[in-house]
Amino acid sequence: MKDILFDFISKYVSLTEEEKDAIVSLDIFHSVKKGTILLREGQKSKESYFVLKGCIRTYYLLDGEERTTAFYTEMEALTPPCVISKTPSEYYVSCMEDNILLISNSDMEAEVNSKFPKFDLMCKMLSEELLAKERMDFDEFKTSSPEQRYLNLLQKRPDLIQRVPQHQLASYLGIQPQSLSRLRARIVEKKI
């Protein structure tokens, strides 16, 4: 798993052996079982997550119903807003599969960034990429129909179709599960 991480990092910065050893010494690699809730609504946290293997989901609990807002899979990072604002979380983060995660906290990151300025640069680059991606995803969601959202999902993240239960996928798309079934049937009909 270390090699996967170092390959990812090498896209942004080159690391010395000392820097690699510093990362490994942090004890940030964690195996987390499917169904584990990493963060609950109302909980405070300093933890950020980077998915090496698996899938995690963010969702709100509104009127007793889960509303999925995002899925994070291999080589994707999540820093919940409550970490930055130092306030209780407004949503949940849970494991959809057995995961191998890098779990860091803001204190650890500050210490590493002060010792190795490259990491600070890499984190800024990753943050900028993530912000741009989330902005584009949000705009795309707001300006597209449910069918367009589903077709975009098929094109950009087809793995989610197999990895995520239909009711959570429907929630992520902003529709009811029955509507997703009808939408899939319409798409199949159009292809015939």
N, C-alpha and C. Protein backbone atom coordinates (compact mmCIF):
# COMPACT_ATOMS: atom_id res chain seq x y z
N MET A 1 0.81 -1.20 0.00
CA MET A 1 0.00 0.00 0.00
C MET A 1 0.85 1.27 0.00
N LYS A 2 2.01 1.17 0.65
CA LYS A 2 2.90 2.34 0.67
C LYS A 2 3.29 2.74 -0.75
N ASP A 3 3.58 1.73 -1.59
CA ASP A 3 3.99 2.02 -2.97
C ASP A 3 2.89 2.72 -3.74
N ILE A 4 1.64 2.32 -3.52
CA ILE A 4 0.51 2.97 -4.19
C ILE A 4 0.47 4.45 -3.78
N LEU A 5 0.64 4.70 -2.50
CA LEU A 5 0.63 6.08 -2.00
C LEU A 5 1.79 6.88 -2.60
N PHE A 6 2.97 6.31 -2.59
CA PHE A 6 4.14 7.04 -3.09
C PHE A 6 4.03 7.29 -4.60
N ASP A 7 3.43 6.36 -5.33
CA ASP A 7 3.19 6.59 -6.76
C ASP A 7 2.25 7.78 -6.96
N PHE A 8 1.21 7.84 -6.13
CA PHE A 8 0.26 8.96 -6.21
C PHE A 8 0.96 10.29 -5.89
N ILE A 9 1.71 10.31 -4.81
CA ILE A 9 2.41 11.53 -4.39
C ILE A 9 3.38 11.99 -5.47
N SER A 10 4.01 11.04 -6.15
CA SER A 10 5.03 11.39 -7.16
C SER A 10 4.45 12.19 -8.33
N LYS A 11 3.13 12.18 -8.47
CA LYS A 11 2.49 13.00 -9.50
C LYS A 11 2.56 14.49 -9.15
N TYR A 12 2.82 14.78 -7.87
CA TYR A 12 2.83 16.16 -7.40
C TYR A 12 4.22 16.63 -6.98
N VAL A 13 4.91 15.79 -6.21
CA VAL A 13 6.25 16.15 -5.73
C VAL A 13 7.10 14.88 -5.67
N SER A 14 8.41 15.06 -5.74
CA SER A 14 9.31 13.91 -5.57
C SER A 14 9.74 13.85 -4.11
N LEU A 15 9.83 12.62 -3.60
CA LEU A 15 10.16 12.45 -2.19
C LEU A 15 11.54 11.82 -2.03
N THR A 16 12.23 12.25 -0.99
CA THR A 16 13.49 11.60 -0.61
C THR A 16 13.14 10.38 0.24
N GLU A 17 14.11 9.53 0.46
CA GLU A 17 13.88 8.37 1.34
C GLU A 17 13.52 8.82 2.75
N GLU A 18 14.13 9.90 3.21
CA GLU A 18 13.84 10.44 4.54
C GLU A 18 12.35 10.85 4.63
N GLU A 19 11.85 11.48 3.58
CA GLU A 19 10.45 11.91 3.58
C GLU A 19 9.51 10.71 3.52
N LYS A 20 9.87 9.70 2.76
CA LYS A 20 9.06 8.47 2.71
C LYS A 20 9.03 7.80 4.08
N ASP A 21 10.20 7.72 4.72
CA ASP A 21 10.27 7.12 6.05
C ASP A 21 9.43 7.91 7.05
N ALA A 22 9.42 9.23 6.91
CA ALA A 22 8.62 10.07 7.82
C ALA A 22 7.14 9.76 7.67
N ILE A 23 6.69 9.55 6.45
CA ILE A 23 5.28 9.21 6.22
C ILE A 23 4.95 7.87 6.85
N VAL A 24 5.79 6.88 6.58
CA VAL A 24 5.55 5.53 7.10
C VAL A 24 5.52 5.54 8.63
N SER A 25 6.37 6.34 9.25
CA SER A 25 6.46 6.37 10.72
C SER A 25 5.23 6.98 11.39
N LEU A 26 4.38 7.64 10.61
CA LEU A 26 3.22 8.32 11.20
C LEU A 26 2.09 7.39 11.62
N ASP A 27 2.15 6.14 11.23
CA ASP A 27 1.09 5.18 11.56
C ASP A 27 -0.28 5.68 11.09
N ILE A 28 -0.35 6.01 9.79
CA ILE A 28 -1.58 6.55 9.23
C ILE A 28 -2.36 5.55 8.39
N PHE A 29 -1.79 4.37 8.15
CA PHE A 29 -2.46 3.35 7.35
C PHE A 29 -3.42 2.56 8.24
N HIS A 30 -4.72 2.54 7.86
CA HIS A 30 -5.71 1.86 8.69
C HIS A 30 -6.63 1.00 7.83
N SER A 31 -6.84 -0.24 8.27
CA SER A 31 -7.85 -1.10 7.66
C SER A 31 -9.14 -0.85 8.41
N VAL A 32 -10.20 -0.51 7.68
CA VAL A 32 -11.48 -0.19 8.31
C VAL A 32 -12.57 -1.03 7.65
N LYS A 33 -13.37 -1.69 8.46
CA LYS A 33 -14.39 -2.61 7.97
C LYS A 33 -15.60 -1.90 7.37
N LYS A 34 -16.20 -2.59 6.41
CA LYS A 34 -17.45 -2.14 5.80
C LYS A 34 -18.48 -1.89 6.90
N GLY A 35 -19.22 -0.78 6.77
CA GLY A 35 -20.26 -0.45 7.75
C GLY A 35 -19.79 0.45 8.88
N THR A 36 -18.48 0.62 9.01
CA THR A 36 -17.95 1.49 10.07
C THR A 36 -18.33 2.94 9.78
N ILE A 37 -18.83 3.62 10.81
CA ILE A 37 -19.12 5.05 10.69
C ILE A 37 -17.89 5.80 11.21
N LEU A 38 -17.25 6.53 10.33
CA LEU A 38 -16.03 7.26 10.66
C LEU A 38 -16.34 8.58 11.36
N LEU A 39 -17.48 9.17 11.02
CA LEU A 39 -17.87 10.47 11.57
C LEU A 39 -19.38 10.53 11.65
N ARG A 40 -19.89 11.01 12.76
CA ARG A 40 -21.33 11.14 12.95
C ARG A 40 -21.73 12.61 13.01
N GLU A 41 -22.97 12.87 12.63
CA GLU A 41 -23.52 14.21 12.78
C GLU A 41 -23.39 14.63 14.24
N GLY A 42 -22.94 15.86 14.48
CA GLY A 42 -22.80 16.37 15.84
C GLY A 42 -21.45 16.10 16.47
N GLN A 43 -20.65 15.23 15.84
CA GLN A 43 -19.34 14.88 16.38
C GLN A 43 -18.29 15.87 15.89
N LYS A 44 -17.33 16.20 16.75
CA LYS A 44 -16.20 17.02 16.32
C LYS A 44 -15.08 16.08 15.90
N SER A 45 -14.27 16.55 14.95
CA SER A 45 -13.20 15.70 14.44
C SER A 45 -12.06 16.54 13.91
N LYS A 46 -10.85 15.98 13.97
CA LYS A 46 -9.68 16.58 13.35
C LYS A 46 -9.18 15.71 12.20
N GLU A 47 -9.91 14.62 11.90
CA GLU A 47 -9.42 13.62 10.96
C GLU A 47 -9.81 13.88 9.51
N SER A 48 -8.82 13.65 8.64
CA SER A 48 -9.02 13.67 7.19
C SER A 48 -8.75 12.26 6.69
N TYR A 49 -9.34 11.93 5.54
CA TYR A 49 -9.26 10.57 5.01
C TYR A 49 -8.76 10.59 3.57
N PHE A 50 -7.95 9.59 3.26
CA PHE A 50 -7.50 9.39 1.88
C PHE A 50 -7.71 7.91 1.60
N VAL A 51 -8.48 7.60 0.57
CA VAL A 51 -8.84 6.22 0.27
C VAL A 51 -7.75 5.58 -0.61
N LEU A 52 -7.08 4.60 -0.06
CA LEU A 52 -6.13 3.81 -0.85
C LEU A 52 -6.87 2.67 -1.54
N LYS A 53 -7.81 2.07 -0.81
CA LYS A 53 -8.61 0.98 -1.36
C LYS A 53 -9.96 1.01 -0.67
N GLY A 54 -11.04 0.94 -1.47
CA GLY A 54 -12.37 0.91 -0.89
C GLY A 54 -13.22 2.09 -1.32
N CYS A 55 -14.27 2.33 -0.53
CA CYS A 55 -15.24 3.38 -0.85
C CYS A 55 -15.84 3.90 0.45
N ILE A 56 -15.84 5.22 0.61
CA ILE A 56 -16.54 5.84 1.73
C ILE A 56 -17.61 6.78 1.18
N ARG A 57 -18.60 7.04 2.02
CA ARG A 57 -19.75 7.85 1.59
C ARG A 57 -20.03 8.93 2.62
N THR A 58 -20.45 10.10 2.14
CA THR A 58 -20.93 11.15 3.03
C THR A 58 -22.43 11.27 2.84
N TYR A 59 -23.14 11.45 3.94
CA TYR A 59 -24.60 11.60 3.85
C TYR A 59 -25.14 12.38 5.04
N TYR A 60 -26.28 13.01 4.79
CA TYR A 60 -27.03 13.72 5.83
C TYR A 60 -28.20 12.84 6.22
N LEU A 61 -28.65 12.99 7.44
CA LEU A 61 -29.85 12.32 7.90
C LEU A 61 -30.91 13.41 8.04
N LEU A 62 -31.87 13.43 7.10
CA LEU A 62 -32.90 14.46 7.07
C LEU A 62 -34.27 13.80 7.22
N ASP A 63 -35.00 14.18 8.25
CA ASP A 63 -36.31 13.60 8.53
C ASP A 63 -36.25 12.07 8.53
N GLY A 64 -35.19 11.53 9.12
CA GLY A 64 -35.03 10.09 9.23
C GLY A 64 -34.59 9.40 7.94
N GLU A 65 -34.32 10.16 6.90
CA GLU A 65 -33.92 9.58 5.61
C GLU A 65 -32.49 10.00 5.27
N GLU A 66 -31.69 9.01 4.83
CA GLU A 66 -30.31 9.31 4.44
C GLU A 66 -30.28 9.97 3.07
N ARG A 67 -29.53 11.07 2.95
CA ARG A 67 -29.35 11.76 1.68
C ARG A 67 -27.87 11.76 1.35
N THR A 68 -27.49 10.93 0.42
CA THR A 68 -26.08 10.78 0.03
C THR A 68 -25.61 11.99 -0.77
N THR A 69 -24.46 12.52 -0.38
CA THR A 69 -23.91 13.68 -1.08
C THR A 69 -22.64 13.36 -1.87
N ALA A 70 -21.92 12.31 -1.48
CA ALA A 70 -20.68 12.00 -2.21
C ALA A 70 -20.19 10.59 -1.89
N PHE A 71 -19.43 10.06 -2.84
CA PHE A 71 -18.70 8.80 -2.67
C PHE A 71 -17.24 9.10 -2.95
N TYR A 72 -16.37 8.56 -2.13
CA TYR A 72 -14.93 8.73 -2.32
C TYR A 72 -14.32 7.34 -2.49
N THR A 73 -13.61 7.15 -3.59
CA THR A 73 -13.00 5.86 -3.88
C THR A 73 -11.49 6.04 -4.03
N GLU A 74 -10.83 5.03 -4.54
CA GLU A 74 -9.37 5.00 -4.61
C GLU A 74 -8.77 6.32 -5.10
N MET A 75 -7.78 6.76 -4.35
CA MET A 75 -6.98 7.96 -4.62
C MET A 75 -7.79 9.26 -4.50
N GLU A 76 -8.83 9.23 -3.67
CA GLU A 76 -9.61 10.43 -3.40
C GLU A 76 -9.51 10.77 -1.91
N ALA A 77 -9.52 12.07 -1.64
CA ALA A 77 -9.35 12.56 -0.27
C ALA A 77 -10.61 13.26 0.20
N LEU A 78 -10.82 13.20 1.50
CA LEU A 78 -11.95 13.89 2.13
C LEU A 78 -11.46 14.53 3.43
N THR A 79 -11.61 15.84 3.49
CA THR A 79 -11.45 16.56 4.75
C THR A 79 -12.82 17.15 5.05
N PRO A 80 -13.53 16.56 6.02
CA PRO A 80 -14.86 17.09 6.34
C PRO A 80 -14.78 18.57 6.75
N PRO A 81 -15.77 19.37 6.36
CA PRO A 81 -15.77 20.80 6.69
C PRO A 81 -15.62 21.07 8.19
N CYS A 82 -16.11 20.16 9.03
CA CYS A 82 -16.02 20.38 10.49
C CYS A 82 -14.58 20.39 10.97
N VAL A 83 -13.67 19.76 10.23
CA VAL A 83 -12.26 19.76 10.61
C VAL A 83 -11.70 21.18 10.49
N ILE A 84 -12.07 21.85 9.42
CA ILE A 84 -11.57 23.19 9.17
C ILE A 84 -12.27 24.22 10.06
N SER A 85 -13.60 24.07 10.20
CA SER A 85 -14.36 25.05 11.00
C SER A 85 -14.29 24.79 12.50
N LYS A 86 -13.79 23.59 12.89
CA LYS A 86 -13.70 23.19 14.30
C LYS A 86 -15.07 23.22 14.98
N THR A 87 -16.10 22.85 14.22
CA THR A 87 -17.46 22.78 14.74
C THR A 87 -17.97 21.34 14.60
N PRO A 88 -19.08 21.00 15.23
CA PRO A 88 -19.61 19.65 15.07
C PRO A 88 -20.00 19.37 13.60
N SER A 89 -19.82 18.13 13.22
CA SER A 89 -20.14 17.73 11.84
C SER A 89 -21.63 17.83 11.58
N GLU A 90 -21.96 18.22 10.35
CA GLU A 90 -23.37 18.27 9.95
C GLU A 90 -23.79 16.99 9.23
N TYR A 91 -22.81 16.13 8.91
CA TYR A 91 -23.15 14.90 8.19
C TYR A 91 -22.37 13.70 8.70
N TYR A 92 -22.64 12.56 8.10
CA TYR A 92 -22.00 11.30 8.44
C TYR A 92 -20.99 10.93 7.37
N VAL A 93 -19.97 10.17 7.77
CA VAL A 93 -19.03 9.55 6.85
C VAL A 93 -18.99 8.07 7.22
N SER A 94 -19.29 7.20 6.25
CA SER A 94 -19.29 5.77 6.55
C SER A 94 -18.58 4.97 5.46
N CYS A 95 -18.17 3.77 5.83
CA CYS A 95 -17.45 2.88 4.92
C CYS A 95 -18.44 2.00 4.16
N MET A 96 -18.38 2.08 2.84
CA MET A 96 -19.25 1.27 1.98
C MET A 96 -18.67 -0.11 1.73
N GLU A 97 -17.38 -0.24 1.89
CA GLU A 97 -16.65 -1.48 1.66
C GLU A 97 -15.58 -1.60 2.74
N ASP A 98 -14.91 -2.76 2.80
CA ASP A 98 -13.70 -2.83 3.60
C ASP A 98 -12.71 -1.87 2.96
N ASN A 99 -12.08 -1.04 3.76
CA ASN A 99 -11.22 0.02 3.24
C ASN A 99 -9.81 -0.05 3.79
N ILE A 100 -8.88 0.46 3.01
CA ILE A 100 -7.57 0.81 3.53
C ILE A 100 -7.49 2.32 3.36
N LEU A 101 -7.44 3.01 4.49
CA LEU A 101 -7.47 4.47 4.50
C LEU A 101 -6.20 5.03 5.12
N LEU A 102 -5.82 6.18 4.65
CA LEU A 102 -4.85 6.99 5.37
C LEU A 102 -5.70 7.92 6.21
N ILE A 103 -5.49 7.90 7.50
CA ILE A 103 -6.23 8.79 8.38
C ILE A 103 -5.22 9.67 9.08
N SER A 104 -5.32 10.96 8.81
CA SER A 104 -4.41 11.92 9.43
C SER A 104 -5.24 12.93 10.20
N ASN A 105 -4.56 13.70 11.01
CA ASN A 105 -5.27 14.77 11.72
C ASN A 105 -4.53 16.08 11.52
N SER A 106 -5.19 17.16 11.81
CA SER A 106 -4.64 18.49 11.52
C SER A 106 -3.34 18.75 12.27
N ASP A 107 -3.20 18.22 13.49
CA ASP A 107 -1.95 18.42 14.25
C ASP A 107 -0.79 17.70 13.55
N MET A 108 -1.04 16.47 13.14
CA MET A 108 -0.03 15.67 12.45
C MET A 108 0.37 16.35 11.14
N GLU A 109 -0.61 16.84 10.40
CA GLU A 109 -0.33 17.49 9.12
C GLU A 109 0.51 18.75 9.31
N ALA A 110 0.20 19.53 10.34
CA ALA A 110 0.96 20.76 10.61
C ALA A 110 2.41 20.42 10.94
N GLU A 111 2.62 19.37 11.72
CA GLU A 111 3.97 18.96 12.09
C GLU A 111 4.77 18.50 10.86
N VAL A 112 4.16 17.67 10.02
CA VAL A 112 4.83 17.18 8.83
C VAL A 112 5.10 18.32 7.86
N ASN A 113 4.12 19.20 7.67
CA ASN A 113 4.29 20.33 6.75
C ASN A 113 5.42 21.26 7.20
N SER A 114 5.59 21.42 8.52
CA SER A 114 6.67 22.30 8.99
C SER A 114 8.04 21.65 8.77
N LYS A 115 8.12 20.32 8.92
CA LYS A 115 9.39 19.61 8.71
C LYS A 115 9.71 19.45 7.23
N PHE A 116 8.67 19.24 6.43
CA PHE A 116 8.86 18.97 5.00
C PHE A 116 7.94 19.87 4.19
N PRO A 117 8.40 21.06 3.81
CA PRO A 117 7.57 22.02 3.09
C PRO A 117 6.95 21.47 1.79
N LYS A 118 7.55 20.44 1.21
CA LYS A 118 7.00 19.83 0.00
C LYS A 118 5.57 19.34 0.23
N PHE A 119 5.33 18.80 1.43
CA PHE A 119 4.00 18.28 1.72
C PHE A 119 2.96 19.38 1.75
N ASP A 120 3.35 20.53 2.27
CA ASP A 120 2.45 21.67 2.30
C ASP A 120 2.09 22.07 0.86
N LEU A 121 3.10 22.11 -0.01
CA LEU A 121 2.87 22.44 -1.42
C LEU A 121 1.94 21.41 -2.06
N MET A 122 2.21 20.12 -1.80
CA MET A 122 1.37 19.07 -2.37
C MET A 122 -0.08 19.19 -1.87
N CYS A 123 -0.26 19.46 -0.59
CA CYS A 123 -1.60 19.60 -0.03
C CYS A 123 -2.34 20.76 -0.66
N LYS A 124 -1.64 21.85 -0.91
CA LYS A 124 -2.26 23.01 -1.57
C LYS A 124 -2.69 22.64 -2.99
N MET A 125 -1.83 21.91 -3.71
CA MET A 125 -2.16 21.50 -5.07
C MET A 125 -3.38 20.58 -5.07
N LEU A 126 -3.39 19.62 -4.15
CA LEU A 126 -4.53 18.70 -4.04
C LEU A 126 -5.81 19.44 -3.69
N SER A 127 -5.70 20.40 -2.77
CA SER A 127 -6.88 21.18 -2.35
C SER A 127 -7.45 21.97 -3.52
N GLU A 128 -6.56 22.57 -4.30
CA GLU A 128 -7.02 23.34 -5.46
C GLU A 128 -7.72 22.44 -6.47
N GLU A 129 -7.14 21.27 -6.73
CA GLU A 129 -7.76 20.31 -7.65
C GLU A 129 -9.13 19.88 -7.15
N LEU A 130 -9.19 19.55 -5.86
CA LEU A 130 -10.45 19.08 -5.27
C LEU A 130 -11.51 20.17 -5.31
N LEU A 131 -11.14 21.39 -5.00
CA LEU A 131 -12.09 22.50 -5.02
C LEU A 131 -12.63 22.71 -6.44
N ALA A 132 -11.76 22.68 -7.43
CA ALA A 132 -12.20 22.85 -8.82
C ALA A 132 -13.12 21.71 -9.24
N LYS A 133 -12.78 20.47 -8.87
CA LYS A 133 -13.60 19.31 -9.23
C LYS A 133 -14.97 19.40 -8.57
N GLU A 134 -14.99 19.74 -7.28
CA GLU A 134 -16.27 19.83 -6.58
C GLU A 134 -17.13 20.95 -7.16
N ARG A 135 -16.53 22.03 -7.55
CA ARG A 135 -17.28 23.14 -8.17
C ARG A 135 -17.91 22.69 -9.48
N MET A 136 -17.13 22.00 -10.29
CA MET A 136 -17.64 21.51 -11.58
C MET A 136 -18.76 20.48 -11.35
N ASP A 137 -18.55 19.58 -10.38
CA ASP A 137 -19.58 18.58 -10.08
C ASP A 137 -20.87 19.24 -9.61
N PHE A 138 -20.73 20.26 -8.76
CA PHE A 138 -21.91 20.96 -8.25
C PHE A 138 -22.65 21.66 -9.38
N ASP A 139 -21.91 22.37 -10.22
CA ASP A 139 -22.53 23.06 -11.35
C ASP A 139 -23.22 22.08 -12.28
N GLU A 140 -22.56 20.96 -12.55
CA GLU A 140 -23.13 19.94 -13.42
C GLU A 140 -24.42 19.38 -12.83
N PHE A 141 -24.41 19.14 -11.52
CA PHE A 141 -25.59 18.60 -10.84
C PHE A 141 -26.76 19.59 -10.93
N LYS A 142 -26.47 20.86 -10.68
CA LYS A 142 -27.53 21.87 -10.67
C LYS A 142 -28.12 22.14 -12.05
N THR A 143 -27.34 21.91 -13.09
CA THR A 143 -27.80 22.28 -14.43
C THR A 143 -28.23 21.09 -15.28
N SER A 144 -28.27 19.89 -14.69
CA SER A 144 -28.62 18.72 -15.49
C SER A 144 -29.87 18.02 -14.96
N SER A 145 -30.50 17.28 -15.84
CA SER A 145 -31.68 16.49 -15.47
C SER A 145 -31.20 15.20 -14.78
N PRO A 146 -32.10 14.51 -14.08
CA PRO A 146 -31.71 13.24 -13.47
C PRO A 146 -31.11 12.25 -14.49
N GLU A 147 -31.68 12.22 -15.69
CA GLU A 147 -31.13 11.31 -16.71
C GLU A 147 -29.72 11.72 -17.10
N GLN A 148 -29.48 13.01 -17.26
CA GLN A 148 -28.13 13.49 -17.59
C GLN A 148 -27.15 13.17 -16.45
N ARG A 149 -27.62 13.32 -15.20
CA ARG A 149 -26.77 13.00 -14.04
C ARG A 149 -26.36 11.54 -14.07
N TYR A 150 -27.33 10.68 -14.36
CA TYR A 150 -27.04 9.24 -14.41
C TYR A 150 -26.08 8.93 -15.55
N LEU A 151 -26.30 9.50 -16.73
CA LEU A 151 -25.41 9.27 -17.87
C LEU A 151 -24.00 9.79 -17.57
N ASN A 152 -23.91 10.93 -16.90
CA ASN A 152 -22.60 11.46 -16.50
C ASN A 152 -21.90 10.51 -15.53
N LEU A 153 -22.68 9.95 -14.61
CA LEU A 153 -22.13 8.98 -13.66
C LEU A 153 -21.62 7.74 -14.39
N LEU A 154 -22.39 7.26 -15.35
CA LEU A 154 -21.96 6.10 -16.15
C LEU A 154 -20.65 6.39 -16.88
N GLN A 155 -20.50 7.61 -17.34
CA GLN A 155 -19.32 7.98 -18.09
C GLN A 155 -18.11 8.21 -17.18
N LYS A 156 -18.31 8.94 -16.08
CA LYS A 156 -17.18 9.36 -15.24
C LYS A 156 -16.85 8.40 -14.11
N ARG A 157 -17.87 7.71 -13.58
CA ARG A 157 -17.64 6.84 -12.41
C ARG A 157 -18.43 5.55 -12.52
N PRO A 158 -18.23 4.81 -13.59
CA PRO A 158 -19.03 3.59 -13.80
C PRO A 158 -18.86 2.55 -12.69
N ASP A 159 -17.74 2.57 -12.00
CA ASP A 159 -17.52 1.61 -10.91
C ASP A 159 -18.56 1.74 -9.81
N LEU A 160 -19.10 2.94 -9.60
CA LEU A 160 -20.09 3.13 -8.53
C LEU A 160 -21.36 2.33 -8.78
N ILE A 161 -21.70 2.11 -10.04
CA ILE A 161 -22.93 1.37 -10.37
C ILE A 161 -22.89 -0.02 -9.74
N GLN A 162 -21.72 -0.65 -9.73
CA GLN A 162 -21.56 -1.98 -9.15
C GLN A 162 -21.26 -1.96 -7.65
N ARG A 163 -20.70 -0.89 -7.18
CA ARG A 163 -20.19 -0.85 -5.80
C ARG A 163 -21.19 -0.33 -4.78
N VAL A 164 -22.20 0.39 -5.24
CA VAL A 164 -23.08 1.13 -4.34
C VAL A 164 -24.52 0.62 -4.47
N PRO A 165 -25.22 0.41 -3.34
CA PRO A 165 -26.63 0.00 -3.42
C PRO A 165 -27.47 1.02 -4.19
N GLN A 166 -28.46 0.53 -4.91
CA GLN A 166 -29.27 1.38 -5.78
C GLN A 166 -29.93 2.53 -5.02
N HIS A 167 -30.43 2.29 -3.79
CA HIS A 167 -31.11 3.37 -3.07
C HIS A 167 -30.14 4.50 -2.71
N GLN A 168 -28.86 4.18 -2.45
CA GLN A 168 -27.88 5.22 -2.16
C GLN A 168 -27.47 5.95 -3.44
N LEU A 169 -27.38 5.21 -4.52
CA LEU A 169 -27.07 5.82 -5.81
C LEU A 169 -28.18 6.79 -6.22
N ALA A 170 -29.43 6.37 -6.02
CA ALA A 170 -30.57 7.24 -6.34
C ALA A 170 -30.52 8.51 -5.49
N SER A 171 -30.25 8.36 -4.20
CA SER A 171 -30.15 9.52 -3.32
C SER A 171 -29.05 10.47 -3.79
N TYR A 172 -27.92 9.91 -4.18
CA TYR A 172 -26.80 10.71 -4.70
C TYR A 172 -27.20 11.49 -5.95
N LEU A 173 -28.04 10.88 -6.78
CA LEU A 173 -28.51 11.53 -8.00
C LEU A 173 -29.67 12.48 -7.76
N GLY A 174 -30.21 12.47 -6.53
CA GLY A 174 -31.30 13.37 -6.18
C GLY A 174 -32.67 12.87 -6.62
N ILE A 175 -32.81 11.53 -6.73
CA ILE A 175 -34.09 10.94 -7.14
C ILE A 175 -34.44 9.77 -6.23
N GLN A 176 -35.66 9.27 -6.37
CA GLN A 176 -36.11 8.11 -5.62
C GLN A 176 -35.62 6.83 -6.31
N PRO A 177 -35.44 5.73 -5.56
CA PRO A 177 -34.99 4.48 -6.17
C PRO A 177 -35.88 4.00 -7.33
N GLN A 178 -37.21 4.19 -7.19
CA GLN A 178 -38.11 3.76 -8.27
C GLN A 178 -37.85 4.58 -9.54
N SER A 179 -37.56 5.86 -9.36
CA SER A 179 -37.26 6.72 -10.51
C SER A 179 -35.97 6.27 -11.19
N LEU A 180 -35.00 5.83 -10.40
CA LEU A 180 -33.75 5.35 -10.98
C LEU A 180 -34.00 4.09 -11.80
N SER A 181 -34.85 3.21 -11.30
CA SER A 181 -35.18 1.99 -12.06
C SER A 181 -35.84 2.34 -13.39
N ARG A 182 -36.79 3.27 -13.36
CA ARG A 182 -37.46 3.68 -14.60
C ARG A 182 -36.48 4.35 -15.56
N LEU A 183 -35.61 5.18 -15.01
CA LEU A 183 -34.62 5.89 -15.81
C LEU A 183 -33.68 4.89 -16.51
N ARG A 184 -33.23 3.88 -15.76
CA ARG A 184 -32.36 2.84 -16.35
C ARG A 184 -33.08 2.12 -17.48
N ALA A 185 -34.35 1.80 -17.26
CA ALA A 185 -35.14 1.09 -18.28
C ALA A 185 -35.27 1.96 -19.54
N ARG A 186 -35.53 3.25 -19.37
CA ARG A 186 -35.63 4.16 -20.53
C ARG A 186 -34.32 4.20 -21.31
N ILE A 187 -33.22 4.24 -20.62
CA ILE A 187 -31.91 4.30 -21.27
C ILE A 187 -31.66 3.01 -22.07
N VAL A 188 -32.02 1.89 -21.49
CA VAL A 188 -31.86 0.61 -22.19
C VAL A 188 -32.74 0.57 -23.43
N GLU A 189 -33.97 1.06 -23.31
CA GLU A 189 -34.90 1.10 -24.46
C GLU A 189 -34.35 1.95 -25.60
N LYS A 190 -33.75 3.09 -25.26
CA LYS A 190 -33.19 3.97 -26.27
C LYS A 190 -32.05 3.31 -27.03
N LYS A 191 -31.31 2.44 -26.35
CA LYS A 191 -30.17 1.78 -27.00
C LYS A 191 -30.58 0.64 -27.90
N ILE A 192 -31.82 0.15 -27.71
CA ILE A 192 -32.29 -0.99 -28.52
C ILE A 192 -32.76 -0.54 -29.88
